[in-house]
Structures are given as structure tokens and as C-alpha cells.
């Protein structure tokens, strides 16, 4: 009889530990998803530079992606002007995020909160 109660108790402990682990994993995932990520500049070996929110798990991705594109300046054709464009409107394939090959990444740098680039990005986000 005591052996039967002991097995029941072990079973309940295993179930309780399992539920606790699942609850901790789900709450960690929720916190990870809602935590705002800073904007970063990502430079690739191809020379491409992307600006966006970098995530490293489960694979390296960049979301809310922007690029800088040179456009012709109508006032001074010799001096091109630069535009910050969201990648999902600047490219034909309109990606929501890019999956990056870590071997092709030269550097990842956080963009300063008070930088001109961050001001442009925030201006773009307000306009959306």
C-alpha cells in the first residue's frame, strides 16, 4: 500500500515539475518577444548595409529593415542625395525580415538613440 502511494507521489512530483518547466519557458518566451530590441547597423561581406532589429535566436535575423539608397538630386546632379527607405517598400520582394548567414556578417553595431539615423527611423515609423 505504501509503495502505491509512493509511486503516486513521484508521478505528481514529475507532473508538477514538468508544468513548472513549461510555464517558465512560455513566460520567458513571452518576455523575450515583448522586450524592445534596439536598432542596429549590419554590414555584410557583400558591402550591403541594413538597419533594423537584430535577433540571434534561433537564427540570425533582422526585422523592421531599412536601407539607404542614393537618389539623384534635382538641384545638383553631381551630388546625389541619400534616402532612408524601409526594405519592404524599397524592394520588389518586400520582406518582413531577413535571415542572415552569420558567416557573411562583418559587423553589427547598435545605432545611437540620439543619432541622425535614429531620428530618421523614428520619423519613418511615425509616418507609417
Protein backbone atom coordinates (compact mmCIF):
# COMPACT_ATOMS: atom_id res chain seq x y z
CA UNK A 1 0.00 0.00 0.00
CA UNK A 2 2.80 2.41 0.91
CA UNK A 3 4.55 1.50 -2.34
CA UNK A 4 1.43 2.53 -4.32
CA UNK A 5 1.26 5.91 -2.52
CA UNK A 6 4.97 6.45 -3.13
CA UNK A 7 4.51 5.87 -6.90
CA UNK A 8 1.57 8.30 -6.96
CA UNK A 9 3.61 10.93 -5.15
CA UNK A 10 6.55 10.51 -7.58
CA UNK A 11 4.15 10.81 -10.50
CA UNK A 12 2.63 14.01 -9.09
CA UNK A 13 6.11 15.48 -8.50
CA UNK A 14 7.16 14.72 -12.08
CA UNK A 15 3.96 16.28 -13.46
CA UNK A 16 4.35 19.37 -11.24
CA UNK A 17 8.00 19.81 -12.29
CA UNK A 18 7.00 19.38 -15.95
CA UNK A 19 4.27 22.02 -15.69
CA UNK A 20 6.67 24.37 -13.92
CA UNK A 21 9.31 23.99 -16.64
CA UNK A 22 6.75 24.57 -19.40
CA UNK A 23 5.36 27.63 -17.58
CA UNK A 24 8.86 29.09 -17.14
CA UNK A 25 9.72 28.51 -20.80
CA UNK A 26 6.48 30.10 -22.00
CA UNK A 27 6.87 33.11 -19.73
CA UNK A 28 10.49 33.53 -20.85
CA UNK A 29 9.42 33.40 -24.49
CA UNK A 30 6.69 35.96 -23.83
CA UNK A 31 9.12 38.33 -22.08
CA UNK A 32 11.67 37.87 -24.88
CA UNK A 33 9.03 38.70 -27.52
CA UNK A 34 7.73 41.87 -25.82
CA UNK A 35 11.15 43.25 -24.87
CA UNK A 36 12.01 46.01 -27.36
CA UNK A 37 15.20 45.44 -29.31
CA UNK A 38 17.44 48.33 -30.26
CA UNK A 39 18.11 49.21 -33.87
CA UNK A 40 21.46 48.04 -35.23
CA UNK A 41 23.50 48.51 -38.37
CA UNK A 42 24.51 45.22 -40.01
CA UNK A 43 27.33 45.21 -42.55
CA UNK A 44 27.70 42.17 -44.81
CA UNK A 45 30.75 40.94 -46.73
CA UNK A 46 28.95 41.98 -49.94
CA UNK A 47 29.08 45.60 -48.80
CA UNK A 48 25.34 45.75 -48.15
CA UNK A 49 24.32 47.65 -45.02
CA UNK A 50 20.99 47.04 -43.34
CA UNK A 51 19.48 48.87 -40.39
CA UNK A 52 16.96 47.12 -38.18
CA UNK A 53 16.27 45.00 -35.12
CA UNK A 54 18.65 42.03 -34.90
CA UNK A 55 17.70 38.72 -33.32
CA UNK A 56 20.22 35.92 -32.78
CA UNK A 57 17.98 33.01 -31.80
CA UNK A 58 17.15 30.52 -33.26
CA UNK A 59 18.90 32.00 -36.30
CA UNK A 60 20.27 35.45 -37.01
CA UNK A 61 17.53 37.66 -38.44
CA UNK A 62 16.94 41.34 -38.89
CA UNK A 63 13.41 42.78 -38.85
CA UNK A 64 11.95 46.23 -39.41
CA UNK A 65 14.70 46.62 -42.02
CA UNK A 66 15.81 49.88 -43.61
CA UNK A 67 18.35 50.62 -46.32
CA UNK A 68 19.99 53.81 -47.53
CA UNK A 69 19.52 54.47 -51.21
CA UNK A 70 21.24 57.12 -53.31
CA UNK A 71 18.86 59.16 -55.46
CA UNK A 72 19.54 61.87 -57.98
CA UNK A 73 19.43 65.35 -56.53
CA UNK A 74 17.45 67.54 -58.97
CA UNK A 75 19.14 70.70 -57.69
CA UNK A 76 22.68 69.35 -58.02
CA UNK A 77 23.02 66.21 -60.21
CA UNK A 78 26.71 65.85 -59.30
CA UNK A 79 25.79 65.42 -55.62
CA UNK A 80 23.39 62.52 -55.03
CA UNK A 81 21.08 62.70 -52.05
CA UNK A 82 20.58 59.79 -49.67
CA UNK A 83 17.19 58.41 -48.64
CA UNK A 84 16.32 56.03 -45.83
CA UNK A 85 13.79 53.52 -47.13
CA UNK A 86 12.02 50.60 -45.47
CA UNK A 87 13.18 47.45 -47.25
CA UNK A 88 9.63 46.11 -47.54
CA UNK A 89 8.72 49.07 -49.78
CA UNK A 90 12.12 49.55 -51.46
CA UNK A 91 12.40 46.05 -52.89
CA UNK A 92 10.16 44.05 -55.19
CA UNK A 93 10.01 41.05 -52.85
CA UNK A 94 9.01 43.16 -49.78
CA UNK A 95 10.47 41.03 -46.96
CA UNK A 96 9.20 41.39 -43.39
CA UNK A 97 12.57 40.17 -42.10
CA UNK A 98 15.87 38.95 -43.46
CA UNK A 99 17.56 35.74 -42.37
CA UNK A 100 21.29 36.40 -42.25
CA UNK A 101 24.16 33.99 -42.79
CA UNK A 102 26.43 34.61 -39.78
CA UNK A 103 29.50 33.87 -41.93
CA UNK A 104 28.59 36.82 -44.18
CA UNK A 105 28.17 39.35 -41.35
CA UNK A 106 31.17 41.66 -40.98
CA UNK A 107 29.84 43.73 -38.09
CA UNK A 108 26.77 44.53 -36.04
CA UNK A 109 26.65 47.91 -34.30
CA UNK A 110 23.88 49.42 -32.23
CA UNK A 111 22.56 52.71 -33.55
CA UNK A 112 22.79 55.56 -31.03
CA UNK A 113 19.45 56.77 -29.69
CA UNK A 114 20.33 60.39 -30.43
CA UNK A 115 21.89 59.78 -33.87
CA UNK A 116 20.59 61.34 -37.07
CA UNK A 117 19.84 57.88 -38.43
CA UNK A 118 17.68 57.03 -35.40
CA UNK A 119 15.80 60.30 -35.83
CA UNK A 120 15.09 59.37 -39.47
CA UNK A 121 13.94 55.87 -38.50
CA UNK A 122 11.63 57.22 -35.82
CA UNK A 123 10.27 59.73 -38.34
CA UNK A 124 9.59 56.86 -40.77
CA UNK A 125 7.83 54.84 -38.03
CA UNK A 126 5.58 57.79 -37.14
CA UNK A 127 4.65 58.26 -40.80
CA UNK A 128 3.54 54.61 -41.13
